[in-house]
Amino acid sequence: MKTERAKEILLNLLKIPSPSGSEDRIALHIMEFLHKLDYDVYIESDGEIIDLVVNPDAELFYEVHMDTIPMRAEPFVRGNIVYGT
């Protein structure tokens, strides 16, 4: 993935508020993004935790969090680095 495309994707993700307990919008955004890349993706939720499951039969497993703290300022790019507060 090219640097400019990666920055664009990150900046789009940062625009979606996702405080703890309210990750549904960002989960849907990521799911739609991965569907466009032909990944088998679905969401599981127990009402408190949202799991985004990608290719459940794969041999490699990643676990990441989607919740964020509220932004105090708009993210910005300087060179190849995205900054946010």
PDB file of N, CA and C in Angstrom:
ATOM      1  N   MET A   1       0.858  -1.174   0.000  1.00  0.00           N
ATOM      2  CA  MET A   1       0.000   0.000   0.000  1.00  0.00           C
ATOM      3  C   MET A   1       0.900   1.232   0.000  1.00  0.00           C
ATOM      4  N   LYS A   2       0.580   2.161  -0.834  1.00  0.00           N
ATOM      5  CA  LYS A   2       1.359   3.387  -0.949  1.00  0.00           C
ATOM      6  C   LYS A   2       1.122   4.287   0.256  1.00  0.00           C
ATOM      7  N   THR A   3       2.130   5.090   0.587  1.00  0.00           N
ATOM      8  CA  THR A   3       2.067   5.975   1.750  1.00  0.00           C
ATOM      9  C   THR A   3       0.890   6.931   1.684  1.00  0.00           C
ATOM     10  N   GLU A   4       0.649   7.552   0.544  1.00  0.00           N
ATOM     11  CA  GLU A   4      -0.448   8.521   0.431  1.00  0.00           C
ATOM     12  C   GLU A   4      -1.796   7.848   0.670  1.00  0.00           C
ATOM     13  N   ARG A   5      -1.974   6.641   0.151  1.00  0.00           N
ATOM     14  CA  ARG A   5      -3.238   5.918   0.351  1.00  0.00           C
ATOM     15  C   ARG A   5      -3.403   5.543   1.823  1.00  0.00           C
ATOM     16  N   ALA A   6      -2.325   5.112   2.461  1.00  0.00           N
ATOM     17  CA  ALA A   6      -2.391   4.762   3.882  1.00  0.00           C
ATOM     18  C   ALA A   6      -2.758   5.983   4.720  1.00  0.00           C
ATOM     19  N   LYS A   7      -2.190   7.138   4.407  1.00  0.00           N
ATOM     20  CA  LYS A   7      -2.535   8.370   5.136  1.00  0.00           C
ATOM     21  C   LYS A   7      -3.999   8.727   4.925  1.00  0.00           C
ATOM     22  N   GLU A   8      -4.487   8.583   3.704  1.00  0.00           N
ATOM     23  CA  GLU A   8      -5.889   8.881   3.398  1.00  0.00           C
ATOM     24  C   GLU A   8      -6.828   7.981   4.205  1.00  0.00           C
ATOM     25  N   ILE A   9      -6.507   6.698   4.265  1.00  0.00           N
ATOM     26  CA  ILE A   9      -7.330   5.751   5.025  1.00  0.00           C
ATOM     27  C   ILE A   9      -7.319   6.109   6.506  1.00  0.00           C
ATOM     28  N   LEU A  10      -6.145   6.392   7.055  1.00  0.00           N
ATOM     29  CA  LEU A  10      -6.039   6.756   8.469  1.00  0.00           C
ATOM     30  C   LEU A  10      -6.816   8.025   8.778  1.00  0.00           C
ATOM     31  N   LEU A  11      -6.687   9.047   7.946  1.00  0.00           N
ATOM     32  CA  LEU A  11      -7.414  10.298   8.175  1.00  0.00           C
ATOM     33  C   LEU A  11      -8.923  10.079   8.121  1.00  0.00           C
ATOM     34  N   ASN A  12      -9.394   9.222   7.224  1.00  0.00           N
ATOM     35  CA  ASN A  12     -10.827   8.900   7.170  1.00  0.00           C
ATOM     36  C   ASN A  12     -11.282   8.192   8.445  1.00  0.00           C
ATOM     37  N   LEU A  13     -10.463   7.285   8.959  1.00  0.00           N
ATOM     38  CA  LEU A  13     -10.809   6.597  10.203  1.00  0.00           C
ATOM     39  C   LEU A  13     -10.852   7.564  11.380  1.00  0.00           C
ATOM     40  N   LEU A  14      -9.923   8.504  11.404  1.00  0.00           N
ATOM     41  CA  LEU A  14      -9.864   9.464  12.513  1.00  0.00           C
ATOM     42  C   LEU A  14     -11.060  10.404  12.548  1.00  0.00           C
ATOM     43  N   LYS A  15     -11.755  10.541  11.435  1.00  0.00           N
ATOM     44  CA  LYS A  15     -12.942  11.407  11.380  1.00  0.00           C
ATOM     45  C   LYS A  15     -14.159  10.767  12.047  1.00  0.00           C
ATOM     46  N   ILE A  16     -14.093   9.473  12.309  1.00  0.00           N
ATOM     47  CA  ILE A  16     -15.240   8.743  12.858  1.00  0.00           C
ATOM     48  C   ILE A  16     -15.091   8.646  14.376  1.00  0.00           C
ATOM     49  N   PRO A  17     -15.967   9.322  15.124  1.00  0.00           N
ATOM     50  CA  PRO A  17     -15.893   9.202  16.584  1.00  0.00           C
ATOM     51  C   PRO A  17     -16.121   7.748  17.006  1.00  0.00           C
ATOM     52  N   SER A  18     -15.256   7.242  17.877  1.00  0.00           N
ATOM     53  CA  SER A  18     -15.399   5.848  18.315  1.00  0.00           C
ATOM     54  C   SER A  18     -14.974   5.685  19.771  1.00  0.00           C
ATOM     55  N   PRO A  19     -15.619   6.431  20.684  1.00  0.00           N
ATOM     56  CA  PRO A  19     -15.266   6.261  22.098  1.00  0.00           C
ATOM     57  C   PRO A  19     -15.645   4.858  22.580  1.00  0.00           C
ATOM     58  N   SER A  20     -15.023   4.421  23.657  1.00  0.00           N
ATOM     59  CA  SER A  20     -15.303   3.091  24.209  1.00  0.00           C
ATOM     60  C   SER A  20     -16.797   2.887  24.386  1.00  0.00           C
ATOM     61  N   GLY A  21     -17.287   1.755  23.886  1.00  0.00           N
ATOM     62  CA  GLY A  21     -18.699   1.432  23.975  1.00  0.00           C
ATOM     63  C   GLY A  21     -19.515   1.924  22.798  1.00  0.00           C
ATOM     64  N   SER A  22     -18.898   2.693  21.910  1.00  0.00           N
ATOM     65  CA  SER A  22     -19.609   3.247  20.741  1.00  0.00           C
ATOM     66  C   SER A  22     -18.796   3.062  19.466  1.00  0.00           C
ATOM     67  N   GLU A  23     -18.326   1.856  19.263  1.00  0.00           N
ATOM     68  CA  GLU A  23     -17.471   1.585  18.110  1.00  0.00           C
ATOM     69  C   GLU A  23     -18.239   1.107  16.887  1.00  0.00           C
ATOM     70  N   ASP A  24     -19.579   1.138  16.925  1.00  0.00           N
ATOM     71  CA  ASP A  24     -20.364   0.575  15.831  1.00  0.00           C
ATOM     72  C   ASP A  24     -20.124   1.277  14.503  1.00  0.00           C
ATOM     73  N   ARG A  25     -20.021   2.610  14.479  1.00  0.00           N
ATOM     74  CA  ARG A  25     -19.823   3.330  13.212  1.00  0.00           C
ATOM     75  C   ARG A  25     -18.478   2.999  12.581  1.00  0.00           C
ATOM     76  N   ILE A  26     -17.432   2.949  13.384  1.00  0.00           N
ATOM     77  CA  ILE A  26     -16.117   2.666  12.809  1.00  0.00           C
ATOM     78  C   ILE A  26     -16.031   1.197  12.388  1.00  0.00           C
ATOM     79  N   ALA A  27     -16.684   0.307  13.126  1.00  0.00           N
ATOM     80  CA  ALA A  27     -16.706  -1.108  12.737  1.00  0.00           C
ATOM     81  C   ALA A  27     -17.387  -1.280  11.387  1.00  0.00           C
ATOM     82  N   LEU A  28     -18.509  -0.594  11.178  1.00  0.00           N
ATOM     83  CA  LEU A  28     -19.201  -0.664   9.885  1.00  0.00           C
ATOM     84  C   LEU A  28     -18.344  -0.090   8.765  1.00  0.00           C
ATOM     85  N   HIS A  29     -17.658   1.014   9.035  1.00  0.00           N
ATOM     86  CA  HIS A  29     -16.785   1.627   8.030  1.00  0.00           C
ATOM     87  C   HIS A  29     -15.675   0.653   7.627  1.00  0.00           C
ATOM     88  N   ILE A  30     -15.028   0.045   8.614  1.00  0.00           N
ATOM     89  CA  ILE A  30     -13.940  -0.901   8.329  1.00  0.00           C
ATOM     90  C   ILE A  30     -14.480  -2.123   7.592  1.00  0.00           C
ATOM     91  N   MET A  31     -15.651  -2.616   8.004  1.00  0.00           N
ATOM     92  CA  MET A  31     -16.244  -3.769   7.338  1.00  0.00           C
ATOM     93  C   MET A  31     -16.523  -3.465   5.864  1.00  0.00           C
ATOM     94  N   GLU A  32     -17.103  -2.305   5.569  1.00  0.00           N
ATOM     95  CA  GLU A  32     -17.373  -1.920   4.179  1.00  0.00           C
ATOM     96  C   GLU A  32     -16.075  -1.797   3.384  1.00  0.00           C
ATOM     97  N   PHE A  33     -15.055  -1.212   3.985  1.00  0.00           N
ATOM     98  CA  PHE A  33     -13.752  -1.075   3.326  1.00  0.00           C
ATOM     99  C   PHE A  33     -13.192  -2.453   2.971  1.00  0.00           C
ATOM    100  N   LEU A  34     -13.234  -3.388   3.923  1.00  0.00           N
ATOM    101  CA  LEU A  34     -12.699  -4.728   3.679  1.00  0.00           C
ATOM    102  C   LEU A  34     -13.553  -5.531   2.705  1.00  0.00           C
ATOM    103  N   HIS A  35     -14.870  -5.327   2.716  1.00  0.00           N
ATOM    104  CA  HIS A  35     -15.735  -5.988   1.726  1.00  0.00           C
ATOM    105  C   HIS A  35     -15.328  -5.589   0.311  1.00  0.00           C
ATOM    106  N   LYS A  36     -14.998  -4.313   0.125  1.00  0.00           N
ATOM    107  CA  LYS A  36     -14.570  -3.840  -1.200  1.00  0.00           C
ATOM    108  C   LYS A  36     -13.286  -4.516  -1.654  1.00  0.00           C
ATOM    109  N   LEU A  37     -12.498  -5.005  -0.701  1.00  0.00           N
ATOM    110  CA  LEU A  37     -11.267  -5.728  -1.019  1.00  0.00           C
ATOM    111  C   LEU A  37     -11.505  -7.238  -1.073  1.00  0.00           C
ATOM    112  N   ASP A  38     -12.781  -7.642  -1.079  1.00  0.00           N
ATOM    113  CA  ASP A  38     -13.201  -9.045  -1.174  1.00  0.00           C
ATOM    114  C   ASP A  38     -12.833  -9.901   0.038  1.00  0.00           C
ATOM    115  N   TYR A  39     -12.762  -9.291   1.218  1.00  0.00           N
ATOM    116  CA  TYR A  39     -12.565 -10.065   2.440  1.00  0.00           C
ATOM    117  C   TYR A  39     -13.912 -10.522   2.983  1.00  0.00           C
ATOM    118  N   ASP A  40     -13.921 -11.699   3.566  1.00  0.00           N
ATOM    119  CA  ASP A  40     -15.097 -12.229   4.250  1.00  0.00           C
ATOM    120  C   ASP A  40     -15.102 -11.610   5.646  1.00  0.00           C
ATOM    121  N   VAL A  41     -16.022 -10.684   5.894  1.00  0.00           N
ATOM    122  CA  VAL A  41     -16.037  -9.919   7.137  1.00  0.00           C
ATOM    123  C   VAL A  41     -17.441  -9.918   7.718  1.00  0.00           C
ATOM    124  N   TYR A  42     -17.530 -10.068   9.020  1.00  0.00           N
ATOM    125  CA  TYR A  42     -18.813  -9.888   9.692  1.00  0.00           C
ATOM    126  C   TYR A  42     -18.576  -9.335  11.089  1.00  0.00           C
ATOM    127  N   ILE A  43     -19.635  -8.814  11.673  1.00  0.00           N
ATOM    128  CA  ILE A  43     -19.556  -8.211  12.998  1.00  0.00           C
ATOM    129  C   ILE A  43     -20.275  -9.112  13.993  1.00  0.00           C
ATOM    130  N   GLU A  44     -19.630  -9.336  15.139  1.00  0.00           N
ATOM    131  CA  GLU A  44     -20.252 -10.020  16.264  1.00  0.00           C
ATOM    132  C   GLU A  44     -20.302  -9.035  17.420  1.00  0.00           C
ATOM    133  N   SER A  45     -21.370  -9.062  18.189  1.00  0.00           N
ATOM    134  CA  SER A  45     -21.471  -8.167  19.338  1.00  0.00           C
ATOM    135  C   SER A  45     -22.262  -8.842  20.443  1.00  0.00           C
ATOM    136  N   ASP A  46     -21.810  -8.635  21.669  1.00  0.00           N
ATOM    137  CA  ASP A  46     -22.559  -9.140  22.817  1.00  0.00           C
ATOM    138  C   ASP A  46     -23.300  -8.004  23.519  1.00  0.00           C
ATOM    139  N   GLY A  47     -23.385  -6.863  22.856  1.00  0.00           N
ATOM    140  CA  GLY A  47     -24.037  -5.697  23.433  1.00  0.00           C
ATOM    141  C   GLY A  47     -23.063  -4.742  24.087  1.00  0.00           C
ATOM    142  N   GLU A  48     -21.898  -5.240  24.463  1.00  0.00           N
ATOM    143  CA  GLU A  48     -20.870  -4.394  25.061  1.00  0.00           C
ATOM    144  C   GLU A  48     -19.622  -4.330  24.193  1.00  0.00           C
ATOM    145  N   ILE A  49     -19.257  -5.450  23.633  1.00  0.00           N
ATOM    146  CA  ILE A  49     -18.032  -5.534  22.837  1.00  0.00           C
ATOM    147  C   ILE A  49     -18.406  -5.841  21.396  1.00  0.00           C
ATOM    148  N   ILE A  50     -17.789  -5.113  20.465  1.00  0.00           N
ATOM    149  CA  ILE A  50     -17.996  -5.351  19.040  1.00  0.00           C
ATOM    150  C   ILE A  50     -16.747  -6.029  18.493  1.00  0.00           C
ATOM    151  N   ASP A  51     -16.914  -7.166  17.876  1.00  0.00           N
ATOM    152  CA  ASP A  51     -15.815  -7.868  17.220  1.00  0.00           C
ATOM    153  C   ASP A  51     -16.031  -7.811  15.719  1.00  0.00           C
ATOM    154  N   LEU A  52     -15.008  -7.426  15.004  1.00  0.00           N
ATOM    155  CA  LEU A  52     -15.016  -7.429  13.552  1.00  0.00           C
ATOM    156  C   LEU A  52     -14.218  -8.657  13.141  1.00  0.00           C
ATOM    157  N   VAL A  53     -14.874  -9.659  12.594  1.00  0.00           N
ATOM    158  CA  VAL A  53     -14.236 -10.933  12.271  1.00  0.00           C
ATOM    159  C   VAL A  53     -13.950 -10.970  10.778  1.00  0.00           C
ATOM    160  N   VAL A  54     -12.678 -11.139  10.439  1.00  0.00           N
ATOM    161  CA  VAL A  54     -12.235 -11.159   9.046  1.00  0.00           C
ATOM    162  C   VAL A  54     -11.648 -12.529   8.753  1.00  0.00           C
ATOM    163  N   ASN A  55     -12.157 -13.173   7.697  1.00  0.00           N
ATOM    164  CA  ASN A  55     -11.660 -14.486   7.283  1.00  0.00           C
ATOM    165  C   ASN A  55     -11.447 -15.405   8.486  1.00  0.00           C
ATOM    166  N   PRO A  56     -12.522 -15.874   9.107  1.00  0.00           N
ATOM    167  CA  PRO A  56     -12.405 -16.643  10.346  1.00  0.00           C
ATOM    168  C   PRO A  56     -11.599 -17.932  10.232  1.00  0.00           C
ATOM    169  N   ASP A  57     -11.389 -18.447   9.036  1.00  0.00           N
ATOM    170  CA  ASP A  57     -10.627 -19.682   8.874  1.00  0.00           C
ATOM    171  C   ASP A  57      -9.151 -19.442   8.578  1.00  0.00           C
ATOM    172  N   ALA A  58      -8.712 -18.207   8.626  1.00  0.00           N
ATOM    173  CA  ALA A  58      -7.320 -17.883   8.310  1.00  0.00           C
ATOM    174  C   ALA A  58      -6.375 -18.426   9.384  1.00  0.00           C
ATOM    175  N   GLU A  59      -5.124 -18.625   9.002  1.00  0.00           N
ATOM    176  CA  GLU A  59      -4.122 -19.113   9.941  1.00  0.00           C
ATOM    177  C   GLU A  59      -3.505 -17.984  10.758  1.00  0.00           C
ATOM    178  N   LEU A  60      -3.648 -16.761  10.307  1.00  0.00           N
ATOM    179  CA  LEU A  60      -3.064 -15.605  10.987  1.00  0.00           C
ATOM    180  C   LEU A  60      -4.175 -14.818  11.655  1.00  0.00           C
ATOM    181  N   PHE A  61      -3.937 -14.365  12.884  1.00  0.00           N
ATOM    182  CA  PHE A  61      -4.966 -13.680  13.658  1.00  0.00           C
ATOM    183  C   PHE A  61      -4.406 -12.371  14.198  1.00  0.00           C
ATOM    184  N   TYR A  62      -5.132 -11.284  14.001  1.00  0.00           N
ATOM    185  CA  TYR A  62      -4.786  -9.984  14.574  1.00  0.00           C
ATOM    186  C   TYR A  62      -5.899  -9.571  15.515  1.00  0.00           C
ATOM    187  N   GLU A  63      -5.518  -8.966  16.606  1.00  0.00           N
ATOM    188  CA  GLU A  63      -6.526  -8.396  17.496  1.00  0.00           C
ATOM    189  C   GLU A  63      -6.150  -6.942  17.742  1.00  0.00           C
ATOM    190  N   VAL A  64      -7.063  -6.061  17.432  1.00  0.00           N
ATOM    191  CA  VAL A  64      -6.821  -4.627  17.604  1.00  0.00           C
ATOM    192  C   VAL A  64      -8.054  -3.995  18.239  1.00  0.00           C
ATOM    193  N   HIS A  65      -7.885  -2.795  18.741  1.00  0.00           N
ATOM    194  CA  HIS A  65      -9.043  -2.098  19.295  1.00  0.00           C
ATOM    195  C   HIS A  65      -9.481  -1.005  18.333  1.00  0.00           C
ATOM    196  N   MET A  66     -10.760  -0.664  18.371  1.00  0.00           N
ATOM    197  CA  MET A  66     -11.310   0.364  17.485  1.00  0.00           C
ATOM    198  C   MET A  66     -11.742   1.601  18.256  1.00  0.00           C
ATOM    199  N   ASP A  67     -11.702   1.536  19.592  1.00  0.00           N
ATOM    200  CA  ASP A  67     -12.135   2.703  20.354  1.00  0.00           C
ATOM    201  C   ASP A  67     -11.006   3.729  20.440  1.00  0.00           C
ATOM    202  N   THR A  68     -11.395   4.970  20.584  1.00  0.00           N
ATOM    203  CA  THR A  68     -10.432   6.068  20.643  1.00  0.00           C
ATOM    204  C   THR A  68     -10.826   7.033  21.752  1.00  0.00           C
ATOM    205  N   ILE A  69      -9.895   7.904  22.095  1.00  0.00           N
ATOM    206  CA  ILE A  69     -10.227   8.995  23.007  1.00  0.00           C
ATOM    207  C   ILE A  69     -10.704  10.170  22.163  1.00  0.00           C
ATOM    208  N   PRO A  70     -11.530  11.055  22.721  1.00  0.00           N
ATOM    209  CA  PRO A  70     -12.005  12.205  21.941  1.00  0.00           C
ATOM    210  C   PRO A  70     -10.837  13.079  21.472  1.00  0.00           C
ATOM    211  N   MET A  71     -10.934  13.550  20.245  1.00  0.00           N
ATOM    212  CA  MET A  71      -9.897  14.416  19.677  1.00  0.00           C
ATOM    213  C   MET A  71     -10.070  15.830  20.221  1.00  0.00           C
ATOM    214  N   ARG A  72      -8.959  16.467  20.560  1.00  0.00           N
ATOM    215  CA  ARG A  72      -8.996  17.861  21.009  1.00  0.00           C
ATOM    216  C   ARG A  72      -8.723  18.812  19.852  1.00  0.00           C
ATOM    217  N   ALA A  73      -8.178  18.282  18.778  1.00  0.00           N
ATOM    218  CA  ALA A  73      -7.874  19.093  17.596  1.00  0.00           C
ATOM    219  C   ALA A  73      -7.961  18.188  16.371  1.00  0.00           C
ATOM    220  N   GLU A  74      -8.130  18.790  15.216  1.00  0.00           N
ATOM    221  CA  GLU A  74      -8.178  18.022  13.973  1.00  0.00           C
ATOM    222  C   GLU A  74      -6.813  17.380  13.716  1.00  0.00           C
ATOM    223  N   PRO A  75      -6.798  16.135  13.242  1.00  0.00           N
ATOM    224  CA  PRO A  75      -5.523  15.521  12.878  1.00  0.00           C
ATOM    225  C   PRO A  75      -4.896  16.279  11.712  1.00  0.00           C
ATOM    226  N   PHE A  76      -3.574  16.237  11.652  1.00  0.00           N
ATOM    227  CA  PHE A  76      -2.895  16.912  10.555  1.00  0.00           C
ATOM    228  C   PHE A  76      -1.705  16.078  10.108  1.00  0.00           C
ATOM    229  N   VAL A  77      -1.259  16.355   8.899  1.00  0.00           N
ATOM    230  CA  VAL A  77      -0.152  15.619   8.295  1.00  0.00           C
ATOM    231  C   VAL A  77       1.036  16.552   8.159  1.00  0.00           C
ATOM    232  N   ARG A  78       2.195  16.059   8.583  1.00  0.00           N
ATOM    233  CA  ARG A  78       3.451  16.771   8.365  1.00  0.00           C
ATOM    234  C   ARG A  78       4.426  15.745   7.797  1.00  0.00           C
ATOM    235  N   GLY A  79       4.770  15.930   6.537  1.00  0.00           N
ATOM    236  CA  GLY A  79       5.607  14.937   5.868  1.00  0.00           C
ATOM    237  C   GLY A  79       4.816  13.652   5.684  1.00  0.00           C
ATOM    238  N   ASN A  80       5.364  12.559   6.159  1.00  0.00           N
ATOM    239  CA  ASN A  80       4.677  11.268   6.069  1.00  0.00           C
ATOM    240  C   ASN A  80       4.068  10.833   7.393  1.00  0.00           C
ATOM    241  N   ILE A  81       3.926  11.770   8.341  1.00  0.00           N
ATOM    242  CA  ILE A  81       3.413  11.429   9.664  1.00  0.00           C
ATOM    243  C   ILE A  81       2.073  12.107   9.897  1.00  0.00           C
ATOM    244  N   VAL A  82       1.106  11.336  10.405  1.00  0.00           N
ATOM    245  CA  VAL A  82      -0.204  11.871  10.777  1.00  0.00           C
ATOM    246  C   VAL A  82      -0.180  12.111  12.282  1.00  0.00           C
ATOM    247  N   TYR A  83      -0.518  13.328  12.678  1.00  0.00           N
ATOM    248  CA  TYR A  83      -0.555  13.703  14.092  1.00  0.00           C
ATOM    249  C   TYR A  83      -1.993  13.933  14.517  1.00  0.00           C
ATOM    250  N   GLY A  84      -2.317  13.571  15.734  1.00  0.00           N
ATOM    251  CA  GLY A  84      -3.638  13.824  16.290  1.00  0.00           C
ATOM    252  C   GLY A  84      -3.540  13.946  17.796  1.00  0.00           C
ATOM    253  N   THR A  85      -4.438  14.734  18.363  1.00  0.00           N
ATOM    254  CA  THR A  85      -4.411  14.899  19.824  1.00  0.00           C
ATOM    255  C   THR A  85      -5.787  14.696  20.391  1.00  0.00           C
TER     256      THR A  85
END
